[in-house]
PDB file of N, CA and C in Angstrom:
ATOM      1  N   UNK A   1      20.497-102.994 -27.895  1.00  0.00           N
ATOM      2  CA  UNK A   1      21.622-102.439 -27.537  1.00  0.00           C
ATOM      3  C   UNK A   1      21.651-101.992 -25.883  1.00  0.00           C
ATOM      4  N   UNK A   2      20.137-101.241 -25.963  1.00  0.00           N
ATOM      5  CA  UNK A   2      19.859-100.305 -24.733  1.00  0.00           C
ATOM      6  C   UNK A   2      20.299-101.524 -23.339  1.00  0.00           C
ATOM      7  N   UNK A   3      20.949-101.240 -22.189  1.00  0.00           N
ATOM      8  CA  UNK A   3      20.755-101.770 -21.295  1.00  0.00           C
ATOM      9  C   UNK A   3      20.090-101.275 -19.885  1.00  0.00           C
ATOM     10  N   UNK A   4      19.384-101.618 -19.416  1.00  0.00           N
ATOM     11  CA  UNK A   4      18.567-101.292 -18.220  1.00  0.00           C
ATOM     12  C   UNK A   4      19.913-100.708 -17.181  1.00  0.00           C
ATOM     13  N   UNK A   5      19.684 -99.465 -16.951  1.00  0.00           N
ATOM     14  CA  UNK A   5      20.822 -98.942 -15.980  1.00  0.00           C
ATOM     15  C   UNK A   5      20.356 -99.518 -14.446  1.00  0.00           C
ATOM     16  N   UNK A   6      21.246-100.271 -13.807  1.00  0.00           N
ATOM     17  CA  UNK A   6      20.893-100.680 -12.250  1.00  0.00           C
ATOM     18  C   UNK A   6      20.844 -99.400 -11.540  1.00  0.00           C
ATOM     19  N   UNK A   7      20.709 -99.725 -10.112  1.00  0.00           N
ATOM     20  CA  UNK A   7      20.222 -98.700  -9.689  1.00  0.00           C
ATOM     21  C   UNK A   7      22.137 -98.045  -8.850  1.00  0.00           C
ATOM     22  N   UNK A   8      22.895 -99.178  -8.460  1.00  0.00           N
ATOM     23  CA  UNK A   8      23.694 -98.920  -8.300  1.00  0.00           C
ATOM     24  C   UNK A   8      24.517 -98.066  -9.119  1.00  0.00           C
ATOM     25  N   UNK A   9      24.573 -98.271 -10.566  1.00  0.00           N
ATOM     26  CA  UNK A   9      25.430 -97.994 -11.356  1.00  0.00           C
ATOM     27  C   UNK A   9      24.475 -96.256 -11.457  1.00  0.00           C
ATOM     28  N   UNK A  10      23.183 -96.100 -11.599  1.00  0.00           N
ATOM     29  CA  UNK A  10      22.468 -95.193 -11.510  1.00  0.00           C
ATOM     30  C   UNK A  10      23.138 -93.925 -10.215  1.00  0.00           C
ATOM     31  N   UNK A  11      23.427 -94.636  -9.194  1.00  0.00           N
ATOM     32  CA  UNK A  11      24.046 -93.931  -7.904  1.00  0.00           C
ATOM     33  C   UNK A  11      25.177 -93.673  -8.342  1.00  0.00           C
ATOM     34  N   UNK A  12      26.307 -94.100  -8.999  1.00  0.00           N
ATOM     35  CA  UNK A  12      27.582 -94.053  -9.142  1.00  0.00           C
ATOM     36  C   UNK A  12      27.427 -92.724 -10.226  1.00  0.00           C
ATOM     37  N   UNK A  13      26.492 -92.933 -11.329  1.00  0.00           N
ATOM     38  CA  UNK A  13      26.692 -92.007 -12.228  1.00  0.00           C
ATOM     39  C   UNK A  13      25.665 -90.320 -11.353  1.00  0.00           C
ATOM     40  N   UNK A  14      25.138 -90.577 -10.209  1.00  0.00           N
ATOM     41  CA  UNK A  14      24.736 -89.233  -9.947  1.00  0.00           C
ATOM     42  C   UNK A  14      26.125 -88.699  -9.052  1.00  0.00           C
ATOM     43  N   UNK A  15      26.755 -89.670  -8.272  1.00  0.00           N
ATOM     44  CA  UNK A  15      27.832 -89.107  -7.866  1.00  0.00           C
ATOM     45  C   UNK A  15      28.980 -88.177  -8.638  1.00  0.00           C
ATOM     46  N   UNK A  16      29.147 -88.789  -9.443  1.00  0.00           N
ATOM     47  CA  UNK A  16      29.908 -88.113 -10.707  1.00  0.00           C
ATOM     48  C   UNK A  16      29.331 -87.142 -11.075  1.00  0.00           C
ATOM     49  N   UNK A  17      28.226 -86.656 -11.321  1.00  0.00           N
ATOM     50  CA  UNK A  17      27.853 -85.653 -11.644  1.00  0.00           C
ATOM     51  C   UNK A  17      28.243 -84.777 -10.321  1.00  0.00           C
ATOM     52  N   UNK A  18      27.663 -85.063  -9.083  1.00  0.00           N
ATOM     53  CA  UNK A  18      28.008 -84.198  -8.310  1.00  0.00           C
ATOM     54  C   UNK A  18      29.618 -83.730  -7.960  1.00  0.00           C
ATOM     55  N   UNK A  19      30.445 -84.588  -8.041  1.00  0.00           N
ATOM     56  CA  UNK A  19      32.071 -84.495  -8.217  1.00  0.00           C
ATOM     57  C   UNK A  19      32.337 -83.611  -9.278  1.00  0.00           C
ATOM     58  N   UNK A  20      31.455 -83.619 -10.234  1.00  0.00           N
ATOM     59  CA  UNK A  20      31.777 -82.619 -11.715  1.00  0.00           C
ATOM     60  C   UNK A  20      31.433 -81.148 -11.475  1.00  0.00           C
ATOM     61  N   UNK A  21      29.881 -81.024 -10.553  1.00  0.00           N
ATOM     62  CA  UNK A  21      29.740 -79.574  -9.796  1.00  0.00           C
ATOM     63  C   UNK A  21      30.932 -79.111  -8.945  1.00  0.00           C
ATOM     64  N   UNK A  22      31.110 -79.858  -8.158  1.00  0.00           N
ATOM     65  CA  UNK A  22      31.899 -79.490  -6.947  1.00  0.00           C
ATOM     66  C   UNK A  22      33.359 -79.285  -7.254  1.00  0.00           C
ATOM     67  N   UNK A  23      33.815 -79.844  -8.568  1.00  0.00           N
ATOM     68  CA  UNK A  23      35.238 -79.583  -8.700  1.00  0.00           C
ATOM     69  C   UNK A  23      35.603 -78.104  -9.002  1.00  0.00           C
ATOM     70  N   UNK A  24      37.029 -77.918  -9.015  1.00  0.00           N
ATOM     71  CA  UNK A  24      37.388 -76.208  -9.699  1.00  0.00           C
ATOM     72  C   UNK A  24      37.062 -76.433 -10.961  1.00  0.00           C
ATOM     73  N   UNK A  25      37.056 -75.230 -11.293  1.00  0.00           N
ATOM     74  CA  UNK A  25      36.867 -75.183 -13.072  1.00  0.00           C
ATOM     75  C   UNK A  25      37.733 -75.669 -13.719  1.00  0.00           C
ATOM     76  N   UNK A  26      37.696 -76.161 -15.072  1.00  0.00           N
ATOM     77  CA  UNK A  26      38.824 -76.617 -15.644  1.00  0.00           C
ATOM     78  C   UNK A  26      39.421 -78.007 -15.362  1.00  0.00           C
ATOM     79  N   UNK A  27      38.786 -78.512 -13.882  1.00  0.00           N
ATOM     80  CA  UNK A  27      39.656 -80.055 -13.512  1.00  0.00           C
ATOM     81  C   UNK A  27      38.379 -80.853 -13.927  1.00  0.00           C
ATOM     82  N   UNK A  28      37.552 -80.552 -14.683  1.00  0.00           N
ATOM     83  CA  UNK A  28      36.220 -81.576 -15.286  1.00  0.00           C
ATOM     84  C   UNK A  28      37.073 -83.035 -16.125  1.00  0.00           C
ATOM     85  N   UNK A  29      37.963 -82.614 -16.924  1.00  0.00           N
ATOM     86  CA  UNK A  29      38.661 -83.874 -17.770  1.00  0.00           C
ATOM     87  C   UNK A  29      39.401 -84.776 -16.707  1.00  0.00           C
ATOM     88  N   UNK A  30      39.987 -84.202 -15.486  1.00  0.00           N
ATOM     89  CA  UNK A  30      40.674 -85.357 -14.570  1.00  0.00           C
ATOM     90  C   UNK A  30      39.199 -85.587 -14.032  1.00  0.00           C
ATOM     91  N   UNK A  31      38.246 -85.508 -13.515  1.00  0.00           N
ATOM     92  CA  UNK A  31      37.576 -86.119 -12.767  1.00  0.00           C
ATOM     93  C   UNK A  31      36.886 -87.104 -13.637  1.00  0.00           C
ATOM     94  N   UNK A  32      36.433 -86.968 -14.999  1.00  0.00           N
ATOM     95  CA  UNK A  32      36.164 -87.584 -15.946  1.00  0.00           C
ATOM     96  C   UNK A  32      36.946 -89.090 -16.192  1.00  0.00           C
ATOM     97  N   UNK A  33      38.103 -88.710 -16.182  1.00  0.00           N
ATOM     98  CA  UNK A  33      39.181 -89.736 -16.592  1.00  0.00           C
ATOM     99  C   UNK A  33      39.440 -90.941 -15.551  1.00  0.00           C
ATOM    100  N   UNK A  34      39.029 -90.093 -14.076  1.00  0.00           N
ATOM    101  CA  UNK A  34      39.276 -91.212 -13.191  1.00  0.00           C
ATOM    102  C   UNK A  34      37.769 -91.842 -13.023  1.00  0.00           C
ATOM    103  N   UNK A  35      37.134 -91.769 -13.794  1.00  0.00           N
ATOM    104  CA  UNK A  35      35.808 -92.535 -13.809  1.00  0.00           C
ATOM    105  C   UNK A  35      35.208 -92.895 -15.254  1.00  0.00           C
ATOM    106  N   UNK A  36      36.468 -93.257 -15.687  1.00  0.00           N
ATOM    107  CA  UNK A  36      36.275 -93.612 -17.110  1.00  0.00           C
ATOM    108  C   UNK A  36      35.278 -94.795 -17.497  1.00  0.00           C
ATOM    109  N   UNK A  37      35.437 -95.706 -16.562  1.00  0.00           N
ATOM    110  CA  UNK A  37      34.237 -96.735 -16.765  1.00  0.00           C
ATOM    111  C   UNK A  37      32.907 -96.343 -16.928  1.00  0.00           C
ATOM    112  N   UNK A  38      32.776 -95.606 -16.080  1.00  0.00           N
ATOM    113  CA  UNK A  38      31.023 -94.651 -16.033  1.00  0.00           C
ATOM    114  C   UNK A  38      30.611 -93.775 -17.425  1.00  0.00           C
ATOM    115  N   UNK A  39      31.567 -93.402 -17.989  1.00  0.00           N
ATOM    116  CA  UNK A  39      31.242 -92.889 -19.121  1.00  0.00           C
ATOM    117  C   UNK A  39      30.571 -93.614 -20.245  1.00  0.00           C
ATOM    118  N   UNK A  40      29.402 -93.657 -20.696  1.00  0.00           N
ATOM    119  CA  UNK A  40      28.874 -94.614 -21.073  1.00  0.00           C
ATOM    120  C   UNK A  40      27.321 -93.846 -21.856  1.00  0.00           C
ATOM    121  N   UNK A  41      26.546 -94.484 -22.748  1.00  0.00           N
ATOM    122  CA  UNK A  41      25.427 -93.784 -22.883  1.00  0.00           C
ATOM    123  C   UNK A  41      24.350 -93.115 -21.677  1.00  0.00           C
ATOM    124  N   UNK A  42      24.389 -94.260 -20.901  1.00  0.00           N
ATOM    125  CA  UNK A  42      23.986 -94.198 -19.830  1.00  0.00           C
ATOM    126  C   UNK A  42      24.109 -92.994 -18.609  1.00  0.00           C
ATOM    127  N   UNK A  43      25.336 -92.856 -18.738  1.00  0.00           N
ATOM    128  CA  UNK A  43      25.885 -91.257 -18.179  1.00  0.00           C
ATOM    129  C   UNK A  43      25.156 -90.226 -18.854  1.00  0.00           C
ATOM    130  N   UNK A  44      25.348 -90.397 -19.979  1.00  0.00           N
ATOM    131  CA  UNK A  44      24.708 -89.313 -20.848  1.00  0.00           C
ATOM    132  C   UNK A  44      23.319 -88.923 -20.900  1.00  0.00           C
ATOM    133  N   UNK A  45      22.986 -90.129 -20.544  1.00  0.00           N
ATOM    134  CA  UNK A  45      21.225 -89.834 -20.469  1.00  0.00           C
ATOM    135  C   UNK A  45      20.709 -89.079 -18.881  1.00  0.00           C
ATOM    136  N   UNK A  46      21.287 -89.971 -18.097  1.00  0.00           N
ATOM    137  CA  UNK A  46      21.548 -89.323 -16.463  1.00  0.00           C
ATOM    138  C   UNK A  46      22.087 -87.948 -16.459  1.00  0.00           C
ATOM    139  N   UNK A  47      22.972 -87.325 -17.243  1.00  0.00           N
ATOM    140  CA  UNK A  47      23.366 -85.676 -17.844  1.00  0.00           C
ATOM    141  C   UNK A  47      21.952 -85.110 -17.726  1.00  0.00           C
ATOM    142  N   UNK A  48      21.756 -85.566 -18.691  1.00  0.00           N
ATOM    143  CA  UNK A  48      20.342 -84.731 -19.758  1.00  0.00           C
ATOM    144  C   UNK A  48      19.583 -84.541 -18.510  1.00  0.00           C
ATOM    145  N   UNK A  49      19.278 -85.623 -17.776  1.00  0.00           N
ATOM    146  CA  UNK A  49      18.116 -86.130 -16.632  1.00  0.00           C
ATOM    147  C   UNK A  49      18.254 -84.774 -15.873  1.00  0.00           C
ATOM    148  N   UNK A  50      19.377 -84.814 -15.523  1.00  0.00           N
ATOM    149  CA  UNK A  50      19.802 -84.151 -14.143  1.00  0.00           C
ATOM    150  C   UNK A  50      19.897 -82.389 -14.601  1.00  0.00           C
ATOM    151  N   UNK A  51      20.343 -82.262 -15.941  1.00  0.00           N
ATOM    152  CA  UNK A  51      20.439 -80.848 -16.331  1.00  0.00           C
ATOM    153  C   UNK A  51      18.978 -80.361 -16.856  1.00  0.00           C
ATOM    154  N   UNK A  52      18.157 -81.219 -16.882  1.00  0.00           N
ATOM    155  CA  UNK A  52      16.601 -80.926 -16.685  1.00  0.00           C
ATOM    156  C   UNK A  52      15.869 -80.338 -15.593  1.00  0.00           C
ATOM    157  N   UNK A  53      16.468 -81.369 -14.860  1.00  0.00           N
ATOM    158  CA  UNK A  53      15.545 -80.952 -13.109  1.00  0.00           C
ATOM    159  C   UNK A  53      16.527 -79.693 -12.904  1.00  0.00           C
ATOM    160  N   UNK A  54      17.744 -79.559 -13.409  1.00  0.00           N
ATOM    161  CA  UNK A  54      18.225 -78.146 -12.815  1.00  0.00           C
ATOM    162  C   UNK A  54      17.571 -77.274 -13.366  1.00  0.00           C
ATOM    163  N   UNK A  55      17.086 -77.114 -14.369  1.00  0.00           N
ATOM    164  CA  UNK A  55      16.782 -75.975 -15.070  1.00  0.00           C
ATOM    165  C   UNK A  55      15.033 -75.802 -14.540  1.00  0.00           C
ATOM    166  N   UNK A  56      14.755 -76.638 -14.071  1.00  0.00           N
ATOM    167  CA  UNK A  56      13.399 -76.608 -13.637  1.00  0.00           C
ATOM    168  C   UNK A  56      13.477 -76.227 -12.116  1.00  0.00           C
ATOM    169  N   UNK A  57      14.705 -76.233 -11.706  1.00  0.00           N
ATOM    170  CA  UNK A  57      15.017 -75.801 -10.201  1.00  0.00           C
ATOM    171  C   UNK A  57      15.679 -74.119 -10.308  1.00  0.00           C
ATOM    172  N   UNK A  58      15.688 -73.536 -11.480  1.00  0.00           N
ATOM    173  CA  UNK A  58      16.327 -72.527 -12.055  1.00  0.00           C
ATOM    174  C   UNK A  58      17.602 -72.157 -11.640  1.00  0.00           C
ATOM    175  N   UNK A  59      18.083 -73.345 -12.426  1.00  0.00           N
ATOM    176  CA  UNK A  59      19.641 -73.616 -11.717  1.00  0.00           C
ATOM    177  C   UNK A  59      19.996 -73.397 -13.639  1.00  0.00           C
ATOM    178  N   UNK A  60      20.026 -72.450 -14.392  1.00  0.00           N
ATOM    179  CA  UNK A  60      20.096 -72.555 -15.367  1.00  0.00           C
ATOM    180  C   UNK A  60      21.723 -72.554 -15.815  1.00  0.00           C
ATOM    181  N   UNK A  61      22.785 -71.979 -14.967  1.00  0.00           N
ATOM    182  CA  UNK A  61      23.976 -72.562 -15.322  1.00  0.00           C
ATOM    183  C   UNK A  61      24.591 -73.664 -15.126  1.00  0.00           C
ATOM    184  N   UNK A  62      24.138 -74.502 -14.216  1.00  0.00           N
ATOM    185  CA  UNK A  62      24.360 -75.670 -13.842  1.00  0.00           C
ATOM    186  C   UNK A  62      23.620 -77.000 -14.766  1.00  0.00           C
ATOM    187  N   UNK A  63      22.483 -76.534 -15.541  1.00  0.00           N
ATOM    188  CA  UNK A  63      21.957 -77.207 -16.733  1.00  0.00           C
ATOM    189  C   UNK A  63      22.748 -77.418 -18.056  1.00  0.00           C
ATOM    190  N   UNK A  64      23.128 -75.959 -18.131  1.00  0.00           N
ATOM    191  CA  UNK A  64      23.967 -75.837 -19.216  1.00  0.00           C
ATOM    192  C   UNK A  64      25.114 -76.050 -19.053  1.00  0.00           C
ATOM    193  N   UNK A  65      26.051 -76.857 -18.277  1.00  0.00           N
ATOM    194  CA  UNK A  65      27.137 -77.179 -17.680  1.00  0.00           C
ATOM    195  C   UNK A  65      26.929 -78.654 -17.733  1.00  0.00           C
ATOM    196  N   UNK A  66      26.141 -79.249 -17.528  1.00  0.00           N
ATOM    197  CA  UNK A  66      26.056 -80.762 -17.524  1.00  0.00           C
ATOM    198  C   UNK A  66      25.195 -81.034 -19.238  1.00  0.00           C
ATOM    199  N   UNK A  67      24.686 -80.064 -19.890  1.00  0.00           N
ATOM    200  CA  UNK A  67      24.678 -80.397 -21.284  1.00  0.00           C
ATOM    201  C   UNK A  67      25.988 -80.518 -22.022  1.00  0.00           C
ATOM    202  N   UNK A  68      26.788 -79.230 -21.837  1.00  0.00           N
ATOM    203  CA  UNK A  68      27.468 -79.242 -22.108  1.00  0.00           C
ATOM    204  C   UNK A  68      28.716 -80.380 -22.060  1.00  0.00           C
ATOM    205  N   UNK A  69      28.713 -81.143 -21.180  1.00  0.00           N
ATOM    206  CA  UNK A  69      29.719 -82.015 -20.568  1.00  0.00           C
ATOM    207  C   UNK A  69      28.697 -83.312 -21.310  1.00  0.00           C
ATOM    208  N   UNK A  70      27.762 -83.646 -20.958  1.00  0.00           N
ATOM    209  CA  UNK A  70      27.007 -84.939 -22.161  1.00  0.00           C
ATOM    210  C   UNK A  70      27.196 -84.488 -23.217  1.00  0.00           C
ATOM    211  N   UNK A  71      27.118 -83.402 -24.279  1.00  0.00           N
ATOM    212  CA  UNK A  71      27.285 -83.571 -25.298  1.00  0.00           C
ATOM    213  C   UNK A  71      28.932 -83.616 -25.925  1.00  0.00           C
ATOM    214  N   UNK A  72      29.871 -83.466 -24.959  1.00  0.00           N
ATOM    215  CA  UNK A  72      31.149 -83.876 -25.348  1.00  0.00           C
ATOM    216  C   UNK A  72      31.632 -85.541 -25.130  1.00  0.00           C
ATOM    217  N   UNK A  73      30.872 -85.796 -24.059  1.00  0.00           N
ATOM    218  CA  UNK A  73      31.255 -87.130 -23.718  1.00  0.00           C
ATOM    219  C   UNK A  73      30.330 -88.060 -25.165  1.00  0.00           C
ATOM    220  N   UNK A  74      29.293 -87.473 -25.403  1.00  0.00           N
ATOM    221  CA  UNK A  74      28.395 -88.145 -26.345  1.00  0.00           C
ATOM    222  C   UNK A  74      29.280 -87.938 -27.730  1.00  0.00           C
ATOM    223  N   UNK A  75      29.861 -87.106 -27.936  1.00  0.00           N
ATOM    224  CA  UNK A  75      30.773 -86.932 -29.374  1.00  0.00           C
ATOM    225  C   UNK A  75      31.961 -87.911 -29.174  1.00  0.00           C
ATOM    226  N   UNK A  76      32.589 -88.154 -28.143  1.00  0.00           N
ATOM    227  CA  UNK A  76      33.484 -89.126 -27.634  1.00  0.00           C
ATOM    228  C   UNK A  76      33.052 -90.361 -28.084  1.00  0.00           C
ATOM    229  N   UNK A  77      31.822 -90.683 -27.289  1.00  0.00           N
ATOM    230  CA  UNK A  77      31.344 -91.988 -27.593  1.00  0.00           C
ATOM    231  C   UNK A  77      30.847 -92.514 -29.008  1.00  0.00           C
ATOM    232  N   UNK A  78      30.970 -91.502 -29.831  1.00  0.00           N
ATOM    233  CA  UNK A  78      30.141 -91.555 -31.349  1.00  0.00           C
ATOM    234  C   UNK A  78      28.631 -91.405 -31.250  1.00  0.00           C
ATOM    235  N   UNK A  79      28.037 -90.886 -29.970  1.00  0.00           N
ATOM    236  CA  UNK A  79      26.329 -91.331 -29.762  1.00  0.00           C
ATOM    237  C   UNK A  79      26.064 -89.893 -30.907  1.00  0.00           C
ATOM    238  N   UNK A  80      26.829 -88.817 -30.899  1.00  0.00           N
ATOM    239  CA  UNK A  80      26.704 -87.398 -31.063  1.00  0.00           C
ATOM    240  C   UNK A  80      26.841 -87.323 -32.681  1.00  0.00           C
ATOM    241  N   UNK A  81      25.582 -86.745 -33.396  1.00  0.00           N
ATOM    242  CA  UNK A  81      26.068 -86.921 -35.090  1.00  0.00           C
ATOM    243  C   UNK A  81      26.944 -85.957 -35.235  1.00  0.00           C
ATOM    244  N   UNK A  82      27.973 -85.979 -35.813  1.00  0.00           N
ATOM    245  CA  UNK A  82      29.050 -85.342 -36.393  1.00  0.00           C
ATOM    246  C   UNK A  82      28.393 -83.909 -37.364  1.00  0.00           C
ATOM    247  N   UNK A  83      28.741 -82.530 -37.029  1.00  0.00           N
ATOM    248  CA  UNK A  83      28.515 -81.877 -38.193  1.00  0.00           C
ATOM    249  C   UNK A  83      29.240 -81.878 -39.672  1.00  0.00           C
ATOM    250  N   UNK A  84      29.020 -81.150 -40.645  1.00  0.00           N
ATOM    251  CA  UNK A  84      29.804 -81.715 -41.678  1.00  0.00           C
ATOM    252  C   UNK A  84      31.171 -80.883 -41.745  1.00  0.00           C
ATOM    253  N   UNK A  85      31.209 -80.117 -40.639  1.00  0.00           N
ATOM    254  CA  UNK A  85      32.260 -79.093 -40.673  1.00  0.00           C
ATOM    255  C   UNK A  85      33.302 -79.795 -39.991  1.00  0.00           C
ATOM    256  N   UNK A  86      33.367 -80.835 -39.191  1.00  0.00           N
ATOM    257  CA  UNK A  86      33.887 -81.699 -38.133  1.00  0.00           C
ATOM    258  C   UNK A  86      35.234 -82.639 -38.917  1.00  0.00           C
ATOM    259  N   UNK A  87      35.782 -81.924 -40.553  1.00  0.00           N
ATOM    260  CA  UNK A  87      36.663 -82.910 -41.082  1.00  0.00           C
ATOM    261  C   UNK A  87      37.570 -83.650 -40.542  1.00  0.00           C
TER     262      UNK A  87
END
């Protein structure tokens, strides 16, 4: 089931992350919707990698922001385990 992420795909993921970081607060859903074809497990993985890098570069706010987005996308994709109160 796991697919190798091609270099061009990785570049697209990173560009989308840059767009998310640069867009005005609250416009993230529009940015993501415009690139819906990139929203997959590989993108979630890339978000986590970039957020880890940001945390190491002393950018905890950016790291938290990307983890939040990764969690939301993972939930939408069914990759994130649902908690018992998600009725």
